[in-house]
Amino acid sequence: MTAKATTSATFEQDVLQADGPVLVDFWAEWCGPCRMVAPVLDEIQNENAGKITVLKLNVDENPDLAMKYQITSIPAMKVFHGGEVKTTIIGAKPKYALEQDLAAFLG
């Protein structure tokens, strides 16, 4: 299963009001490292179904959210829980490194 998209219109419901932790992948079509990390995030989501939700947010199509969450470099991932940012991950990383960064949410 691949991560579904969220937008400015659905962000409140998809992310801020979600029951469990949500990892938002801030990305853009032209970003090579973003394309490299996407299948890794899909794997993490598939292996941890029910523990964490992975959503993609295109920064070019949703610049208001990119600005609000101070996204200055992509790929950038933020984990939200209870409507708040709990952790931020910057840059493409191998799967084991991402899993370490997300360990608190995957437990």
C-alpha atoms as a PDB file:
ATOM      1  CA  MET A   1       0.000   0.000   0.000  1.00  0.00           C
ATOM      2  CA  THR A   2       1.357   3.418  -0.886  1.00  0.00           C
ATOM      3  CA  ALA A   3       0.935   6.463   1.292  1.00  0.00           C
ATOM      4  CA  LYS A   4      -2.089   8.540   0.437  1.00  0.00           C
ATOM      5  CA  ALA A   5      -1.980  12.288   0.030  1.00  0.00           C
ATOM      6  CA  THR A   6      -3.214  14.969   2.354  1.00  0.00           C
ATOM      7  CA  THR A   7      -3.792  18.596   1.354  1.00  0.00           C
ATOM      8  CA  SER A   8      -4.510  21.937   2.949  1.00  0.00           C
ATOM      9  CA  ALA A   9      -8.211  21.090   2.648  1.00  0.00           C
ATOM     10  CA  THR A  10      -7.954  17.712   4.423  1.00  0.00           C
ATOM     11  CA  PHE A  11      -4.959  18.238   6.747  1.00  0.00           C
ATOM     12  CA  GLU A  12      -7.032  19.110   9.816  1.00  0.00           C
ATOM     13  CA  GLN A  13      -9.082  15.913   9.592  1.00  0.00           C
ATOM     14  CA  ASP A  14      -6.338  13.610   8.223  1.00  0.00           C
ATOM     15  CA  VAL A  15      -3.555  14.685  10.566  1.00  0.00           C
ATOM     16  CA  LEU A  16      -4.524  16.966  13.436  1.00  0.00           C
ATOM     17  CA  GLN A  17      -7.662  15.026  14.404  1.00  0.00           C
ATOM     18  CA  ALA A  18      -6.235  11.536  13.781  1.00  0.00           C
ATOM     19  CA  ASP A  19      -6.471   9.002  16.606  1.00  0.00           C
ATOM     20  CA  GLY A  20      -2.907   7.719  16.364  1.00  0.00           C
ATOM     21  CA  PRO A  21       0.455   9.044  15.224  1.00  0.00           C
ATOM     22  CA  VAL A  22       0.655  10.342  11.649  1.00  0.00           C
ATOM     23  CA  LEU A  23       3.906  10.772   9.757  1.00  0.00           C
ATOM     24  CA  VAL A  24       3.570  13.515   7.148  1.00  0.00           C
ATOM     25  CA  ASP A  25       6.106  13.288   4.323  1.00  0.00           C
ATOM     26  CA  PHE A  26       6.619  16.813   2.962  1.00  0.00           C
ATOM     27  CA  TRP A  27       7.813  16.275  -0.622  1.00  0.00           C
ATOM     28  CA  ALA A  28       7.763  17.597  -4.201  1.00  0.00           C
ATOM     29  CA  GLU A  29       7.619  15.950  -7.628  1.00  0.00           C
ATOM     30  CA  TRP A  30      11.030  17.353  -8.647  1.00  0.00           C
ATOM     31  CA  CYS A  31      12.836  16.134  -5.493  1.00  0.00           C
ATOM     32  CA  GLY A  32      15.006  13.074  -6.195  1.00  0.00           C
ATOM     33  CA  PRO A  33      15.674  12.192  -2.528  1.00  0.00           C
ATOM     34  CA  CYS A  34      11.909  12.445  -1.892  1.00  0.00           C
ATOM     35  CA  ARG A  35      11.299   9.781  -4.528  1.00  0.00           C
ATOM     36  CA  MET A  36      14.003   7.603  -2.949  1.00  0.00           C
ATOM     37  CA  VAL A  37      12.478   7.746   0.552  1.00  0.00           C
ATOM     38  CA  ALA A  38       8.846   7.209  -0.567  1.00  0.00           C
ATOM     39  CA  PRO A  39       9.044   3.393  -1.001  1.00  0.00           C
ATOM     40  CA  VAL A  40      10.848   3.105   2.345  1.00  0.00           C
ATOM     41  CA  LEU A  41       8.019   4.991   4.063  1.00  0.00           C
ATOM     42  CA  ASP A  42       5.502   2.738   2.300  1.00  0.00           C
ATOM     43  CA  GLU A  43       7.336  -0.322   3.700  1.00  0.00           C
ATOM     44  CA  ILE A  44       7.358   1.135   7.210  1.00  0.00           C
ATOM     45  CA  GLN A  45       3.639   1.877   6.975  1.00  0.00           C
ATOM     46  CA  ASN A  46       2.832  -1.614   5.676  1.00  0.00           C
ATOM     47  CA  GLU A  47       4.911  -3.313   8.382  1.00  0.00           C
ATOM     48  CA  ASN A  48       3.406  -1.168  11.139  1.00  0.00           C
ATOM     49  CA  ALA A  49      -0.250  -1.052  10.119  1.00  0.00           C
ATOM     50  CA  GLY A  50      -2.364   0.212  12.977  1.00  0.00           C
ATOM     51  CA  LYS A  51       0.619   1.836  14.720  1.00  0.00           C
ATOM     52  CA  ILE A  52       1.363   4.759  12.418  1.00  0.00           C
ATOM     53  CA  THR A  53      -0.235   6.355   9.360  1.00  0.00           C
ATOM     54  CA  VAL A  54       1.965   7.759   6.594  1.00  0.00           C
ATOM     55  CA  LEU A  55       0.617  10.628   4.487  1.00  0.00           C
ATOM     56  CA  LYS A  56       2.287  12.636   1.734  1.00  0.00           C
ATOM     57  CA  LEU A  57       1.980  16.409   1.409  1.00  0.00           C
ATOM     58  CA  ASN A  58       3.156  18.062  -1.820  1.00  0.00           C
ATOM     59  CA  VAL A  59       4.820  21.328  -0.757  1.00  0.00           C
ATOM     60  CA  ASP A  60       4.372  22.894  -4.209  1.00  0.00           C
ATOM     61  CA  GLU A  61       0.608  22.302  -4.104  1.00  0.00           C
ATOM     62  CA  ASN A  62       0.235  23.224  -0.392  1.00  0.00           C
ATOM     63  CA  PRO A  63       2.694  26.067   0.260  1.00  0.00           C
ATOM     64  CA  ASP A  64       0.633  27.348   3.197  1.00  0.00           C
ATOM     65  CA  LEU A  65       1.312  24.187   5.217  1.00  0.00           C
ATOM     66  CA  ALA A  66       4.961  24.071   4.143  1.00  0.00           C
ATOM     67  CA  MET A  67       5.321  27.619   5.484  1.00  0.00           C
ATOM     68  CA  LYS A  68       3.318  26.959   8.651  1.00  0.00           C
ATOM     69  CA  TYR A  69       5.504  23.981   9.578  1.00  0.00           C
ATOM     70  CA  GLN A  70       8.725  25.739   8.508  1.00  0.00           C
ATOM     71  CA  ILE A  71       9.684  23.277   5.790  1.00  0.00           C
ATOM     72  CA  THR A  72      12.883  24.702   4.313  1.00  0.00           C
ATOM     73  CA  SER A  73      14.413  21.473   2.999  1.00  0.00           C
ATOM     74  CA  ILE A  74      12.805  18.343   1.588  1.00  0.00           C
ATOM     75  CA  PRO A  75      12.310  15.522   2.139  1.00  0.00           C
ATOM     76  CA  ALA A  76      11.138  16.476   5.596  1.00  0.00           C
ATOM     77  CA  MET A  77       8.944  14.271   7.749  1.00  0.00           C
ATOM     78  CA  LYS A  78       7.017  15.322  10.810  1.00  0.00           C
ATOM     79  CA  VAL A  79       5.204  12.977  13.157  1.00  0.00           C
ATOM     80  CA  PHE A  80       2.004  14.437  14.571  1.00  0.00           C
ATOM     81  CA  HIS A  81       0.129  12.994  17.519  1.00  0.00           C
ATOM     82  CA  GLY A  82      -2.719  14.661  19.340  1.00  0.00           C
ATOM     83  CA  GLY A  83      -2.587  17.562  16.905  1.00  0.00           C
ATOM     84  CA  GLU A  84       1.024  18.440  17.748  1.00  0.00           C
ATOM     85  CA  VAL A  85       4.377  17.845  16.083  1.00  0.00           C
ATOM     86  CA  LYS A  86       6.192  15.203  18.155  1.00  0.00           C
ATOM     87  CA  THR A  87       9.307  14.719  16.026  1.00  0.00           C
ATOM     88  CA  THR A  88      10.906  16.024  12.836  1.00  0.00           C
ATOM     89  CA  ILE A  89      13.131  14.062  10.457  1.00  0.00           C
ATOM     90  CA  ILE A  90      15.044  15.903   7.736  1.00  0.00           C
ATOM     91  CA  GLY A  91      16.521  14.269   4.646  1.00  0.00           C
ATOM     92  CA  ALA A  92      16.375  10.872   2.997  1.00  0.00           C
ATOM     93  CA  LYS A  93      17.609   8.116   5.283  1.00  0.00           C
ATOM     94  CA  PRO A  94      17.892   4.344   5.003  1.00  0.00           C
ATOM     95  CA  LYS A  95      15.060   2.289   6.454  1.00  0.00           C
ATOM     96  CA  TYR A  96      16.883   1.262   9.653  1.00  0.00           C
ATOM     97  CA  ALA A  97      17.657   4.918  10.454  1.00  0.00           C
ATOM     98  CA  LEU A  98      14.044   5.959   9.884  1.00  0.00           C
ATOM     99  CA  GLU A  99      12.841   3.094  12.054  1.00  0.00           C
ATOM    100  CA  GLN A 100      15.190   4.261  14.824  1.00  0.00           C
ATOM    101  CA  ASP A 101      13.820   7.804  14.520  1.00  0.00           C
ATOM    102  CA  LEU A 102      10.271   6.424  14.671  1.00  0.00           C
ATOM    103  CA  ALA A 103      10.859   3.783  17.384  1.00  0.00           C
ATOM    104  CA  ALA A 104       8.784   5.668  19.972  1.00  0.00           C
ATOM    105  CA  PHE A 105       5.757   5.490  17.647  1.00  0.00           C
ATOM    106  CA  LEU A 106       6.279   1.961  16.330  1.00  0.00           C
ATOM    107  CA  GLY A 107       6.700   0.313  19.742  1.00  0.00           C
END
